[in-house]
Protein backbone atom coordinates (compact mmCIF):
# COMPACT_ATOMS: atom_id res chain seq x y z
CA MET A 1 1.50 23.78 -28.07
CA SER A 2 3.04 26.61 -26.72
CA LEU A 3 2.39 29.74 -26.00
CA GLU A 4 3.30 33.46 -25.61
CA ILE A 5 3.61 34.69 -22.01
CA VAL A 6 3.76 38.35 -20.92
CA THR A 7 4.53 38.14 -17.19
CA LEU A 8 3.65 41.83 -15.37
CA ALA A 9 6.13 42.36 -11.94
CA ASP A 10 6.35 44.94 -9.49
CA PRO A 11 9.77 44.12 -8.07
CA ALA A 12 9.21 46.88 -4.52
CA TYR A 13 6.19 45.06 -3.97
CA GLY A 14 7.13 41.00 -4.98
CA SER A 15 3.88 40.39 -6.74
CA SER A 16 3.51 39.10 -10.20
CA ALA A 17 0.66 38.30 -13.51
CA GLN A 18 0.89 36.63 -16.13
CA ILE A 19 -1.07 37.19 -19.78
CA LEU A 20 -1.54 34.33 -22.63
CA PRO A 21 -2.47 36.59 -25.36
CA GLY A 22 -2.40 34.62 -27.70
CA PHE A 23 -5.91 32.38 -26.12
CA GLY A 24 -8.04 34.90 -24.98
CA PHE A 25 -5.93 37.28 -23.50
CA ASN A 26 -6.27 36.20 -20.65
CA CYS A 27 -4.41 36.45 -17.01
CA PHE A 28 -4.65 33.40 -15.60
CA ARG A 29 -2.24 33.71 -13.07
CA PHE A 30 -1.29 36.67 -10.51
CA THR A 31 0.63 36.59 -7.00
CA ALA A 32 0.77 38.64 -4.28
CA ASN A 33 3.28 39.13 -1.88
CA ALA A 34 2.07 39.11 1.67
CA ALA A 35 4.07 39.79 4.39
CA GLY A 36 6.87 37.96 1.70
CA GLN A 37 4.13 34.75 1.47
CA PRO A 38 3.20 34.36 -2.11
CA ILE A 39 -0.11 34.33 -2.59
CA GLU A 40 -1.37 33.24 -5.37
CA VAL A 41 -5.25 34.94 -6.23
CA LEU A 42 -6.11 33.00 -9.27
CA TRP A 43 -7.38 29.40 -9.95
CA ALA A 44 -6.32 27.64 -13.39
CA GLU A 45 -6.24 24.45 -14.46
CA PRO A 46 -2.76 22.54 -14.53
CA GLY A 47 -1.06 23.44 -18.16
CA PHE A 48 -3.53 25.51 -18.84
CA GLU A 49 -0.98 27.71 -20.82
CA SER A 50 -0.94 25.84 -23.42
CA GLY A 51 -3.81 26.21 -25.06
CA GLY A 52 -5.45 23.19 -24.39
CA LYS A 53 -8.18 23.45 -21.66
CA ARG A 54 -11.03 24.72 -21.71
CA PRO A 55 -10.91 28.90 -22.00
CA SER A 56 -13.59 29.86 -19.62
CA GLY A 57 -12.21 27.27 -17.24
CA SER A 58 -9.58 29.25 -15.09
CA GLY A 59 -8.10 32.71 -14.55
CA ILE A 60 -9.87 35.60 -16.17
CA PRO A 61 -11.60 34.41 -18.94
CA ILE A 62 -13.00 38.12 -21.65
CA LEU A 63 -16.28 37.70 -22.48
CA PHE A 64 -17.63 39.78 -25.79
CA PRO A 65 -19.89 39.98 -27.36
CA PHE A 66 -21.64 38.65 -25.76
CA PRO A 67 -21.38 36.96 -21.98
CA GLY A 68 -23.54 34.18 -19.95
CA ARG A 69 -25.49 31.65 -22.36
CA ILE A 70 -27.70 31.94 -25.83
CA ALA A 71 -30.77 30.31 -25.84
CA GLY A 72 -30.24 27.77 -28.50
CA THR A 73 -27.00 27.72 -31.49
CA THR A 74 -29.36 30.65 -33.33
CA LEU A 75 -29.59 34.16 -32.50
CA GLU A 76 -32.56 36.63 -33.97
CA TYR A 77 -31.88 40.26 -34.68
CA GLU A 78 -33.80 42.87 -36.39
CA GLY A 79 -34.93 40.02 -39.08
CA ARG A 80 -31.71 37.99 -38.85
CA LYS A 81 -30.49 35.17 -37.47
CA TYR A 82 -27.50 34.71 -36.67
CA ALA A 83 -25.47 30.76 -36.37
CA LEU A 84 -23.99 30.28 -33.51
CA ASP A 85 -22.16 27.36 -31.77
CA ALA A 86 -22.79 25.34 -28.90
CA GLY A 87 -20.48 25.22 -26.50
CA ASP A 88 -22.06 25.24 -22.84
CA GLY A 89 -23.05 21.33 -22.91
CA ARG A 90 -26.90 22.06 -22.61
CA GLY A 91 -26.73 22.54 -26.53
CA ASN A 92 -26.73 26.73 -26.37
CA ALA A 93 -24.09 29.93 -27.01
CA ILE A 94 -21.91 30.83 -24.73
CA HIS A 95 -19.64 33.60 -23.68
CA GLY A 96 -19.05 34.62 -27.01
CA PHE A 97 -16.13 35.33 -29.48
CA VAL A 98 -12.46 35.96 -27.54
CA LEU A 99 -12.27 34.22 -24.43
CA ASN A 100 -10.37 31.03 -26.66
CA ARG A 101 -8.85 33.44 -29.94
CA PRO A 102 -4.88 35.16 -29.71
CA TRP A 103 -5.25 38.71 -29.38
CA ARG A 104 -2.60 41.08 -30.56
CA VAL A 105 0.11 43.59 -28.20
CA ILE A 106 -1.34 46.91 -29.05
CA GLU A 107 0.99 48.69 -25.72
CA GLN A 108 3.31 46.54 -23.50
CA SER A 109 5.47 47.92 -20.34
CA PRO A 110 7.35 46.01 -17.07
CA GLN A 111 3.26 46.30 -15.40
CA ARG A 112 1.07 47.62 -17.92
CA VAL A 113 0.59 44.99 -21.36
CA VAL A 114 -2.93 46.75 -23.49
CA GLY A 115 -4.69 43.49 -25.65
CA GLN A 116 -7.22 44.28 -28.79
CA PHE A 117 -8.97 42.30 -30.53
CA HIS A 118 -11.26 43.03 -34.06
CA ALA A 119 -13.64 40.87 -35.38
CA SER A 120 -13.17 42.28 -38.59
CA VAL A 121 -9.30 42.34 -38.39
CA ASP A 122 -8.38 39.53 -37.06
CA ASP A 123 -11.01 36.94 -37.21
CA ALA A 124 -13.29 38.03 -40.68
CA LYS A 125 -15.22 34.76 -40.36
CA LEU A 126 -17.11 36.21 -37.39
CA ARG A 127 -18.72 38.68 -39.04
CA GLY A 128 -20.74 36.34 -40.60
CA ALA A 129 -22.17 35.75 -36.66
CA TRP A 130 -22.79 38.53 -35.97
CA PRO A 131 -24.84 42.03 -35.85
CA GLY A 132 -22.32 43.56 -36.05
CA ASP A 133 -18.66 44.35 -36.01
CA PHE A 134 -16.90 44.70 -32.35
CA ARG A 135 -13.49 45.81 -30.94
CA ILE A 136 -12.25 44.92 -28.15
CA THR A 137 -9.28 45.99 -25.51
CA VAL A 138 -8.20 45.30 -22.29
CA ALA A 139 -5.69 47.09 -20.39
CA TYR A 140 -4.09 44.90 -16.89
CA GLU A 141 -1.77 46.71 -15.15
CA LEU A 142 0.23 45.42 -11.15
CA VAL A 143 0.49 48.25 -9.10
CA GLY A 144 1.88 45.63 -5.42
CA ASN A 145 -0.62 43.62 -4.14
CA SER A 146 -3.27 44.84 -7.34
CA LEU A 147 -4.51 44.48 -10.18
CA ALA A 148 -6.14 46.42 -12.47
CA LEU A 149 -8.61 45.48 -15.84
CA ASP A 150 -9.47 47.69 -18.19
CA ALA A 151 -11.64 47.34 -21.21
CA LEU A 152 -13.19 49.30 -24.42
CA LEU A 153 -15.79 48.01 -25.80
CA GLU A 154 -16.34 49.40 -29.62
CA ASN A 155 -18.29 49.67 -32.19
CA PRO A 156 -16.26 50.37 -35.28
CA ASP A 157 -18.75 49.70 -37.71
CA ASP A 158 -21.35 51.34 -39.53
CA ALA A 159 -24.19 49.71 -38.16
CA PRO A 160 -25.34 49.53 -34.14
CA LEU A 161 -24.05 47.21 -32.12
CA PRO A 162 -25.68 45.36 -29.75
CA MET A 163 -23.20 43.97 -27.25
CA GLY A 164 -22.23 43.02 -23.24
CA PHE A 165 -19.21 42.62 -21.23
CA GLY A 166 -18.01 40.12 -18.68
CA VAL A 167 -15.15 39.07 -16.50
CA HIS A 168 -15.75 35.66 -15.25
CA PRO A 169 -12.24 35.47 -12.56
CA TYR A 170 -11.33 32.63 -10.70
CA PHE A 171 -9.71 33.00 -7.35
CA ARG A 172 -9.07 31.21 -5.07
CA VAL A 173 -9.62 29.71 -1.76
CA PRO A 174 -8.47 30.03 0.84
CA LEU A 175 -5.57 32.63 0.59
CA CYS A 176 -3.31 31.30 2.54
CA ALA A 177 -0.32 29.68 1.48
CA GLY A 178 1.41 26.59 0.93
CA ALA A 179 0.30 24.05 3.83
CA GLY A 180 -2.25 26.39 5.07
CA ALA A 181 -3.99 25.56 1.79
CA ASN A 182 -6.29 23.58 2.97
CA ALA A 183 -10.39 22.61 2.59
CA GLU A 184 -10.66 22.83 5.94
CA ALA A 185 -9.86 26.98 5.87
CA ALA A 186 -11.61 27.41 3.16
CA ALA A 187 -15.10 26.64 3.94
CA ARG A 188 -14.01 28.91 6.54
CA CYS A 189 -13.77 31.28 3.88
CA VAL A 190 -16.59 34.07 3.69
CA LEU A 191 -17.78 35.71 1.13
CA ARG A 192 -19.98 38.52 -0.11
CA VAL A 193 -22.19 39.88 -2.70
CA PRO A 194 -24.06 43.22 -1.82
CA ALA A 195 -26.93 42.34 -4.03
CA ALA A 196 -30.27 42.99 -3.28
CA GLU A 197 -32.33 40.06 -6.08
CA TYR A 198 -31.05 37.88 -8.58
CA TRP A 199 -32.63 36.42 -12.06
CA GLU A 200 -34.56 33.43 -11.86
CA LEU A 201 -33.40 30.91 -14.85
CA ALA A 202 -34.32 27.61 -16.02
CA GLU A 203 -32.77 25.21 -17.99
CA MET A 204 -29.21 27.83 -17.34
CA ILE A 205 -31.33 30.44 -19.45
CA ALA A 206 -32.79 33.47 -16.89
CA THR A 207 -36.24 33.56 -17.29
CA GLY A 208 -37.15 37.24 -16.82
CA ARG A 209 -38.10 37.07 -13.32
CA LYS A 210 -36.58 38.34 -10.37
CA LEU A 211 -36.01 36.90 -6.63
CA ALA A 212 -34.90 38.72 -3.46
CA ALA A 213 -30.63 37.42 -3.43
CA SER A 214 -31.31 35.58 0.24
CA VAL A 215 -33.83 33.05 -1.08
CA ARG A 216 -30.17 31.74 -2.76
CA GLY A 217 -28.86 32.43 0.78
CA PRO A 218 -27.07 35.70 2.61
CA LEU A 219 -24.57 36.50 0.13
CA ALA A 220 -25.59 40.62 0.76
CA THR A 221 -24.75 40.54 4.16
CA GLY A 222 -21.95 36.76 3.18
CA ILE A 223 -22.09 33.31 3.58
CA ALA A 224 -19.18 30.55 4.68
CA PHE A 225 -18.03 29.64 0.78
CA GLY A 226 -18.52 25.76 2.70
CA GLU A 227 -22.32 26.77 2.57
CA SER A 228 -22.25 28.49 -1.01
CA ARG A 229 -23.87 26.27 -3.81
CA PHE A 230 -24.41 29.11 -6.61
CA ASP A 231 -24.78 28.51 -10.85
CA ASP A 232 -26.96 32.37 -9.82
CA VAL A 233 -27.31 35.88 -11.81
CA PHE A 234 -27.69 38.49 -9.23
CA THR A 235 -28.66 42.68 -10.05
CA SER A 236 -29.51 44.96 -8.13
CA LEU A 237 -26.50 45.94 -7.42
CA ALA A 238 -25.22 48.50 -3.84
CA PHE A 239 -22.42 50.67 -5.48
CA ASP A 240 -20.21 53.54 -3.12
CA GLY A 241 -20.12 56.18 -5.59
CA ASP A 242 -19.37 54.62 -8.38
CA TRP A 243 -17.88 51.46 -7.21
CA CYS A 244 -19.66 47.89 -6.48
CA GLU A 245 -16.76 46.14 -3.69
CA SER A 246 -17.59 42.36 -3.21
CA THR A 247 -15.03 40.42 -0.52
CA ILE A 248 -13.50 36.61 0.08
CA ALA A 249 -12.00 36.84 4.07
CA ASP A 250 -9.99 34.47 5.24
CA PRO A 251 -10.15 33.72 8.46
CA THR A 252 -7.21 31.60 8.67
CA SER A 253 -5.19 33.31 6.71
CA GLY A 254 -6.91 37.32 8.04
CA ARG A 255 -6.05 38.69 4.24
CA THR A 256 -9.16 39.52 1.90
CA LEU A 257 -9.68 39.36 -1.28
CA ARG A 258 -11.77 42.75 -2.81
CA ILE A 259 -13.31 42.73 -6.33
CA ALA A 260 -14.33 45.95 -6.97
CA PHE A 261 -16.33 47.60 -10.64
CA ASP A 262 -17.27 50.34 -11.17
CA ARG A 263 -20.88 51.71 -13.31
CA GLY A 264 -20.43 50.38 -16.22
CA PHE A 265 -21.68 46.80 -15.12
CA ARG A 266 -24.74 45.17 -12.45
CA GLU A 267 -24.91 42.34 -12.50
CA CYS A 268 -23.01 39.75 -10.70
CA VAL A 269 -23.10 36.25 -11.67
CA VAL A 270 -21.35 34.05 -8.51
CA TYR A 271 -19.97 30.42 -9.20
CA ASN A 272 -19.37 26.88 -6.79
CA PRO A 273 -17.22 25.76 -9.95
CA PRO A 274 -17.20 21.59 -8.98
CA HIS A 275 -13.61 20.67 -8.04
CA ARG A 276 -14.30 23.47 -5.16
CA GLU A 277 -10.11 24.92 -5.15
CA ALA A 278 -12.86 28.04 -6.05
CA ILE A 279 -14.97 30.89 -6.25
CA CYS A 280 -16.05 32.95 -9.20
CA ILE A 281 -17.41 36.57 -8.35
CA GLU A 282 -18.41 37.31 -11.71
CA PRO A 283 -18.78 41.34 -13.21
CA TYR A 284 -21.23 41.55 -16.65
CA THR A 285 -22.42 44.34 -18.56
CA CYS A 286 -26.13 42.39 -18.48
CA VAL A 287 -28.64 39.20 -17.79
CA PRO A 288 -27.47 36.46 -20.50
CA GLY A 289 -29.57 36.29 -22.40
CA ALA A 290 -30.09 39.99 -23.36
CA ILE A 291 -31.54 40.43 -26.52
CA GLU A 292 -34.82 37.84 -26.47
CA MET A 293 -35.37 39.18 -23.14
CA SER A 294 -35.31 43.03 -24.67
CA ARG A 295 -37.40 41.54 -27.26
CA ARG A 296 -39.94 40.90 -24.50
CA GLY A 297 -39.89 44.59 -22.90
CA ILE A 298 -37.65 43.66 -20.68
CA ASP A 299 -34.18 45.87 -19.01
CA ALA A 300 -32.06 42.85 -18.92
CA GLY A 301 -28.78 45.85 -19.63
CA LEU A 302 -28.05 44.74 -23.33
CA ARG A 303 -25.90 48.13 -24.75
CA ILE A 304 -27.02 48.89 -27.73
CA LEU A 305 -24.00 50.61 -29.45
CA ALA A 306 -23.75 53.04 -32.04
CA SER A 307 -21.86 53.37 -35.32
CA GLY A 308 -18.11 55.07 -33.33
CA GLU A 309 -19.57 54.75 -29.81
CA SER A 310 -18.12 52.74 -27.11
CA LEU A 311 -18.19 51.66 -23.74
CA ALA A 312 -15.79 51.52 -21.17
CA ALA A 313 -15.55 49.59 -17.73
CA ARG A 314 -12.74 48.79 -14.57
CA VAL A 315 -11.96 45.77 -12.69
CA LYS A 316 -9.91 46.00 -9.53
CA ILE A 317 -8.77 43.37 -8.14
CA GLU A 318 -6.72 42.91 -3.85
CA ILE A 319 -5.31 41.56 -1.57
CA ALA A 320 -5.52 42.76 1.29
């Protein structure tokens, strides 16, 4: 299988990014330039660009109209039932519908590309899989060693749209080039996510109970990658103005990766993939399973867009 690759480049810096419009509009490669050294910021499975690999396991998977898991394979909403596919190996639906489907490129320039997926236009059978039609537009823009992702989430239907959105970037550790990229250097990298609480999980489904984030380790002040064992949904995030910033600091190279997201988001999943070559820091607009939690009277961040309403959200990734 051969997929089109859209390449963004900033010649003044020597940075680049590569996106797969035909496979979830996934940005699977972001190469920064640090003092003449190419730094691969994102982790992707070898051969991911073929389109035959796990869509949620590399690069920046885009999760919509729900991020994370929904318990089981049946969604109940407003008296109707919707059949979903199991996708997590545990019998649960996971990560929405757009991360493995072809998107349309609607705008492109050397440093910016915009893609769109509209359910009723791009995969009409999805109209029976979710309570309403939905449209997502994502722009990637590369400036120097900074990559921005801007998302516009829209309800083009006549009926209200329950929705959640997330991005699932895989960040390589350590932030080294060439021979410096080793397990010892990775173990010394320090992760920081400014969260005060996390959602308790049972069989990977949120129970609705929040606990102190410190129970999972000193993530808010910094925890060594070698000591981290996360697959958790953090909340009560600290914002500085309109932005919440998390970091990965690499003492071996002296470099820091910053991921900042705006107030369109309110949760952050942190996940250690089993291969231990990357860490995922994933901003979400809601808790996974937010529809069910909302039915129980729990504020889980569920957004219900009225007809014609939209939500914008932004993520910035930068190597310093």
